[in-house]
């Protein structure tokens, strides 16, 4: 399965309203679209709502 890197430029912290952060990381996924969905799902499960771009690139 290909590896992808991601950068999420703006994330709203749903547990601390008004806080904005960003995140980067890597993951394995079957396609760039699957990687983006997995990143969104993971961020939301941790209390972050993507409000900016999520950039996915193959590593």
PDB file of N, CA and C in Angstrom:
ATOM      1  N   UNK A   1       0.851  -1.167   0.000  1.00  0.00           N
ATOM      2  CA  UNK A   1       0.000   0.000   0.000  1.00  0.00           C
ATOM      3  C   UNK A   1       0.905   1.241   0.000  1.00  0.00           C
ATOM      4  N   UNK A   2       0.601   2.222  -0.828  1.00  0.00           N
ATOM      5  CA  UNK A   2       1.442   3.427  -0.905  1.00  0.00           C
ATOM      6  C   UNK A   2       1.417   4.232   0.401  1.00  0.00           C
ATOM      7  N   UNK A   3       2.517   4.946   0.635  1.00  0.00           N
ATOM      8  CA  UNK A   3       2.594   5.826   1.800  1.00  0.00           C
ATOM      9  C   UNK A   3       2.357   7.262   1.338  1.00  0.00           C
ATOM     10  N   UNK A   4       1.680   8.016   2.185  1.00  0.00           N
ATOM     11  CA  UNK A   4       1.355   9.406   1.897  1.00  0.00           C
ATOM     12  C   UNK A   4       1.739  10.285   3.070  1.00  0.00           C
ATOM     13  N   UNK A   5       2.102  11.512   2.753  1.00  0.00           N
ATOM     14  CA  UNK A   5       2.321  12.540   3.764  1.00  0.00           C
ATOM     15  C   UNK A   5       1.160  13.505   3.700  1.00  0.00           C
ATOM     16  N   UNK A   6       0.811  14.076   4.842  1.00  0.00           N
ATOM     17  CA  UNK A   6      -0.265  15.057   4.829  1.00  0.00           C
ATOM     18  C   UNK A   6       0.112  16.286   5.643  1.00  0.00           C
ATOM     19  N   UNK A   7      -0.459  17.407   5.247  1.00  0.00           N
ATOM     20  CA  UNK A   7      -0.379  18.652   5.999  1.00  0.00           C
ATOM     21  C   UNK A   7      -1.789  19.201   6.091  1.00  0.00           C
ATOM     22  N   UNK A   8      -2.266  19.395   7.294  1.00  0.00           N
ATOM     23  CA  UNK A   8      -3.569  20.023   7.530  1.00  0.00           C
ATOM     24  C   UNK A   8      -3.272  21.429   8.047  1.00  0.00           C
ATOM     25  N   UNK A   9      -3.559  22.436   7.219  1.00  0.00           N
ATOM     26  CA  UNK A   9      -3.112  23.795   7.502  1.00  0.00           C
ATOM     27  C   UNK A   9      -3.881  24.481   8.621  1.00  0.00           C
ATOM     28  N   UNK A  10      -5.183  24.283   8.689  1.00  0.00           N
ATOM     29  CA  UNK A  10      -5.973  24.940   9.723  1.00  0.00           C
ATOM     30  C   UNK A  10      -6.960  23.951  10.331  1.00  0.00           C
ATOM     31  N   UNK A  11      -6.830  23.769  11.626  1.00  0.00           N
ATOM     32  CA  UNK A  11      -7.724  22.870  12.361  1.00  0.00           C
ATOM     33  C   UNK A  11      -8.312  23.628  13.540  1.00  0.00           C
ATOM     34  N   UNK A  12      -9.618  23.620  13.625  1.00  0.00           N
ATOM     35  CA  UNK A  12     -10.282  24.239  14.767  1.00  0.00           C
ATOM     36  C   UNK A  12     -10.381  23.210  15.880  1.00  0.00           C
ATOM     37  N   UNK A  13      -9.945  23.589  17.065  1.00  0.00           N
ATOM     38  CA  UNK A  13     -10.020  22.718  18.237  1.00  0.00           C
ATOM     39  C   UNK A  13     -11.441  22.804  18.790  1.00  0.00           C
ATOM     40  N   UNK A  14     -12.207  21.730  18.663  1.00  0.00           N
ATOM     41  CA  UNK A  14     -13.607  21.754  19.096  1.00  0.00           C
ATOM     42  C   UNK A  14     -13.738  21.697  20.616  1.00  0.00           C
ATOM     43  N   UNK A  15     -12.669  21.317  21.309  1.00  0.00           N
ATOM     44  CA  UNK A  15     -12.705  21.263  22.761  1.00  0.00           C
ATOM     45  C   UNK A  15     -12.304  22.597  23.396  1.00  0.00           C
ATOM     46  N   UNK A  16     -11.584  23.423  22.633  1.00  0.00           N
ATOM     47  CA  UNK A  16     -11.173  24.746  23.093  1.00  0.00           C
ATOM     48  C   UNK A  16     -11.531  25.748  21.999  1.00  0.00           C
ATOM     49  N   UNK A  17     -12.769  26.213  21.985  1.00  0.00           N
ATOM     50  CA  UNK A  17     -13.203  27.132  20.919  1.00  0.00           C
ATOM     51  C   UNK A  17     -12.271  28.335  20.786  1.00  0.00           C
ATOM     52  N   UNK A  18     -11.996  28.685  19.541  1.00  0.00           N
ATOM     53  CA  UNK A  18     -11.115  29.810  19.249  1.00  0.00           C
ATOM     54  C   UNK A  18      -9.675  29.404  18.998  1.00  0.00           C
ATOM     55  N   UNK A  19      -9.305  28.188  19.357  1.00  0.00           N
ATOM     56  CA  UNK A  19      -7.948  27.700  19.135  1.00  0.00           C
ATOM     57  C   UNK A  19      -7.837  27.115  17.724  1.00  0.00           C
ATOM     58  N   UNK A  20      -6.791  27.507  17.008  1.00  0.00           N
ATOM     59  CA  UNK A  20      -6.517  27.004  15.658  1.00  0.00           C
ATOM     60  C   UNK A  20      -5.125  26.391  15.676  1.00  0.00           C
ATOM     61  N   UNK A  21      -4.983  25.232  15.077  1.00  0.00           N
ATOM     62  CA  UNK A  21      -3.683  24.567  15.034  1.00  0.00           C
ATOM     63  C   UNK A  21      -3.488  23.949  13.651  1.00  0.00           C
ATOM     64  N   UNK A  22      -2.377  23.265  13.453  1.00  0.00           N
ATOM     65  CA  UNK A  22      -2.114  22.555  12.200  1.00  0.00           C
ATOM     66  C   UNK A  22      -1.521  21.195  12.553  1.00  0.00           C
ATOM     67  N   UNK A  23      -1.431  20.321  11.565  1.00  0.00           N
ATOM     68  CA  UNK A  23      -0.892  18.981  11.809  1.00  0.00           C
ATOM     69  C   UNK A  23      -0.209  18.463  10.550  1.00  0.00           C
ATOM     70  N   UNK A  24       0.792  17.641  10.747  1.00  0.00           N
ATOM     71  CA  UNK A  24       1.458  16.951   9.649  1.00  0.00           C
ATOM     72  C   UNK A  24       1.661  15.502  10.062  1.00  0.00           C
ATOM     73  N   UNK A  25       1.831  14.630   9.092  1.00  0.00           N
ATOM     74  CA  UNK A  25       2.078  13.239   9.407  1.00  0.00           C
ATOM     75  C   UNK A  25       2.164  12.380   8.173  1.00  0.00           C
ATOM     76  N   UNK A  26       2.247  11.081   8.377  1.00  0.00           N
ATOM     77  CA  UNK A  26       2.308  10.113   7.282  1.00  0.00           C
ATOM     78  C   UNK A  26       1.334   8.985   7.572  1.00  0.00           C
ATOM     79  N   UNK A  27       0.908   8.324   6.517  1.00  0.00           N
ATOM     80  CA  UNK A  27       0.023   7.169   6.646  1.00  0.00           C
ATOM     81  C   UNK A  27       0.081   6.346   5.373  1.00  0.00           C
ATOM     82  N   UNK A  28      -0.393   5.124   5.448  1.00  0.00           N
ATOM     83  CA  UNK A  28      -0.527   4.249   4.290  1.00  0.00           C
ATOM     84  C   UNK A  28      -1.994   4.202   3.909  1.00  0.00           C
ATOM     85  N   UNK A  29      -2.263   4.268   2.608  1.00  0.00           N
ATOM     86  CA  UNK A  29      -3.641   4.218   2.121  1.00  0.00           C
ATOM     87  C   UNK A  29      -3.628   3.727   0.685  1.00  0.00           C
ATOM     88  N   UNK A  30      -4.801   3.302   0.217  1.00  0.00           N
ATOM     89  CA  UNK A  30      -4.900   2.744  -1.132  1.00  0.00           C
ATOM     90  C   UNK A  30      -4.877   3.812  -2.217  1.00  0.00           C
ATOM     91  N   UNK A  31      -5.218   5.060  -1.868  1.00  0.00           N
ATOM     92  CA  UNK A  31      -5.254   6.157  -2.849  1.00  0.00           C
ATOM     93  C   UNK A  31      -5.162   7.481  -2.105  1.00  0.00           C
ATOM     94  N   UNK A  32      -4.863   8.576  -2.825  1.00  0.00           N
ATOM     95  CA  UNK A  32      -4.844   9.890  -2.169  1.00  0.00           C
ATOM     96  C   UNK A  32      -6.197  10.255  -1.560  1.00  0.00           C
ATOM     97  N   UNK A  33      -7.276   9.867  -2.228  1.00  0.00           N
ATOM     98  CA  UNK A  33      -8.616  10.166  -1.708  1.00  0.00           C
ATOM     99  C   UNK A  33      -8.869   9.409  -0.405  1.00  0.00           C
ATOM    100  N   UNK A  34      -8.456   8.149  -0.363  1.00  0.00           N
ATOM    101  CA  UNK A  34      -8.615   7.356   0.858  1.00  0.00           C
ATOM    102  C   UNK A  34      -7.753   7.932   1.978  1.00  0.00           C
ATOM    103  N   UNK A  35      -6.566   8.411   1.641  1.00  0.00           N
ATOM    104  CA  UNK A  35      -5.691   9.031   2.637  1.00  0.00           C
ATOM    105  C   UNK A  35      -6.338  10.280   3.217  1.00  0.00           C
ATOM    106  N   UNK A  36      -6.916  11.113   2.370  1.00  0.00           N
ATOM    107  CA  UNK A  36      -7.553  12.342   2.849  1.00  0.00           C
ATOM    108  C   UNK A  36      -8.740  12.029   3.772  1.00  0.00           C
ATOM    109  N   UNK A  37      -9.543  11.059   3.386  1.00  0.00           N
ATOM    110  CA  UNK A  37     -10.683  10.677   4.231  1.00  0.00           C
ATOM    111  C   UNK A  37     -10.210  10.141   5.576  1.00  0.00           C
ATOM    112  N   UNK A  38      -9.136   9.351   5.560  1.00  0.00           N
ATOM    113  CA  UNK A  38      -8.600   8.796   6.808  1.00  0.00           C
ATOM    114  C   UNK A  38      -8.053   9.901   7.709  1.00  0.00           C
ATOM    115  N   UNK A  39      -7.384  10.890   7.118  1.00  0.00           N
ATOM    116  CA  UNK A  39      -6.854  12.003   7.895  1.00  0.00           C
ATOM    117  C   UNK A  39      -8.008  12.791   8.515  1.00  0.00           C
ATOM    118  N   UNK A  40      -9.028  13.108   7.717  1.00  0.00           N
ATOM    119  CA  UNK A  40     -10.182  13.851   8.232  1.00  0.00           C
ATOM    120  C   UNK A  40     -10.846  13.094   9.390  1.00  0.00           C
ATOM    121  N   UNK A  41     -11.042  11.805   9.206  1.00  0.00           N
ATOM    122  CA  UNK A  41     -11.688  10.983  10.237  1.00  0.00           C
ATOM    123  C   UNK A  41     -10.837  10.961  11.516  1.00  0.00           C
ATOM    124  N   UNK A  42      -9.541  10.807  11.360  1.00  0.00           N
ATOM    125  CA  UNK A  42      -8.646  10.763  12.504  1.00  0.00           C
ATOM    126  C   UNK A  42      -8.630  12.095  13.255  1.00  0.00           C
ATOM    127  N   UNK A  43      -8.556  13.191  12.520  1.00  0.00           N
ATOM    128  CA  UNK A  43      -8.535  14.506  13.163  1.00  0.00           C
ATOM    129  C   UNK A  43      -9.830  14.762  13.922  1.00  0.00           C
ATOM    130  N   UNK A  44     -10.948  14.446  13.291  1.00  0.00           N
ATOM    131  CA  UNK A  44     -12.241  14.662  13.961  1.00  0.00           C
ATOM    132  C   UNK A  44     -12.363  13.813  15.219  1.00  0.00           C
ATOM    133  N   UNK A  45     -11.843  12.587  15.184  1.00  0.00           N
ATOM    134  CA  UNK A  45     -11.926  11.719  16.358  1.00  0.00           C
ATOM    135  C   UNK A  45     -11.094  12.262  17.513  1.00  0.00           C
ATOM    136  N   UNK A  46     -10.139  13.138  17.209  1.00  0.00           N
ATOM    137  CA  UNK A  46      -9.291  13.744  18.232  1.00  0.00           C
ATOM    138  C   UNK A  46      -9.774  15.141  18.634  1.00  0.00           C
ATOM    139  N   UNK A  47     -10.929  15.554  18.105  1.00  0.00           N
ATOM    140  CA  UNK A  47     -11.501  16.832  18.503  1.00  0.00           C
ATOM    141  C   UNK A  47     -11.107  18.010  17.649  1.00  0.00           C
ATOM    142  N   UNK A  48     -10.646  17.754  16.420  1.00  0.00           N
ATOM    143  CA  UNK A  48     -10.264  18.826  15.511  1.00  0.00           C
ATOM    144  C   UNK A  48     -11.142  18.806  14.275  1.00  0.00           C
ATOM    145  N   UNK A  49     -11.554  19.989  13.850  1.00  0.00           N
ATOM    146  CA  UNK A  49     -12.365  20.121  12.643  1.00  0.00           C
ATOM    147  C   UNK A  49     -11.529  20.823  11.580  1.00  0.00           C
ATOM    148  N   UNK A  50     -11.250  20.138  10.447  1.00  0.00           N
ATOM    149  CA  UNK A  50     -10.489  20.794   9.379  1.00  0.00           C
ATOM    150  C   UNK A  50     -11.270  21.982   8.806  1.00  0.00           C
ATOM    151  N   UNK A  51     -10.663  23.170   8.820  1.00  0.00           N
ATOM    152  CA  UNK A  51     -11.302  24.349   8.244  1.00  0.00           C
ATOM    153  C   UNK A  51     -10.464  24.929   7.114  1.00  0.00           C
ATOM    154  N   UNK A  52      -9.292  24.370   6.896  1.00  0.00           N
ATOM    155  CA  UNK A  52      -8.414  24.789   5.804  1.00  0.00           C
ATOM    156  C   UNK A  52      -8.118  23.605   4.911  1.00  0.00           C
ATOM    157  N   UNK A  53      -7.105  23.769   4.094  1.00  0.00           N
ATOM    158  CA  UNK A  53      -6.725  22.717   3.154  1.00  0.00           C
ATOM    159  C   UNK A  53      -6.011  21.563   3.847  1.00  0.00           C
ATOM    160  N   UNK A  54      -6.260  20.368   3.340  1.00  0.00           N
ATOM    161  CA  UNK A  54      -5.467  19.200   3.708  1.00  0.00           C
ATOM    162  C   UNK A  54      -4.743  18.780   2.435  1.00  0.00           C
ATOM    163  N   UNK A  55      -3.415  18.848   2.483  1.00  0.00           N
ATOM    164  CA  UNK A  55      -2.598  18.504   1.324  1.00  0.00           C
ATOM    165  C   UNK A  55      -2.050  17.091   1.502  1.00  0.00           C
ATOM    166  N   UNK A  56      -2.272  16.264   0.495  1.00  0.00           N
ATOM    167  CA  UNK A  56      -1.809  14.870   0.510  1.00  0.00           C
ATOM    168  C   UNK A  56      -0.793  14.702  -0.616  1.00  0.00           C
ATOM    169  N   UNK A  57       0.399  14.161  -0.279  1.00  0.00           N
ATOM    170  CA  UNK A  57       1.405  13.875  -1.300  1.00  0.00           C
ATOM    171  C   UNK A  57       1.925  12.464  -1.078  1.00  0.00           C
ATOM    172  N   UNK A  58       2.241  11.777  -2.172  1.00  0.00           N
ATOM    173  CA  UNK A  58       2.761  10.424  -2.047  1.00  0.00           C
ATOM    174  C   UNK A  58       4.226  10.486  -1.610  1.00  0.00           C
ATOM    175  N   UNK A  59       4.567   9.690  -0.612  1.00  0.00           N
ATOM    176  CA  UNK A  59       5.945   9.697  -0.068  1.00  0.00           C
ATOM    177  C   UNK A  59       6.850   8.801  -0.884  1.00  0.00           C
TER     178      UNK A  59
END
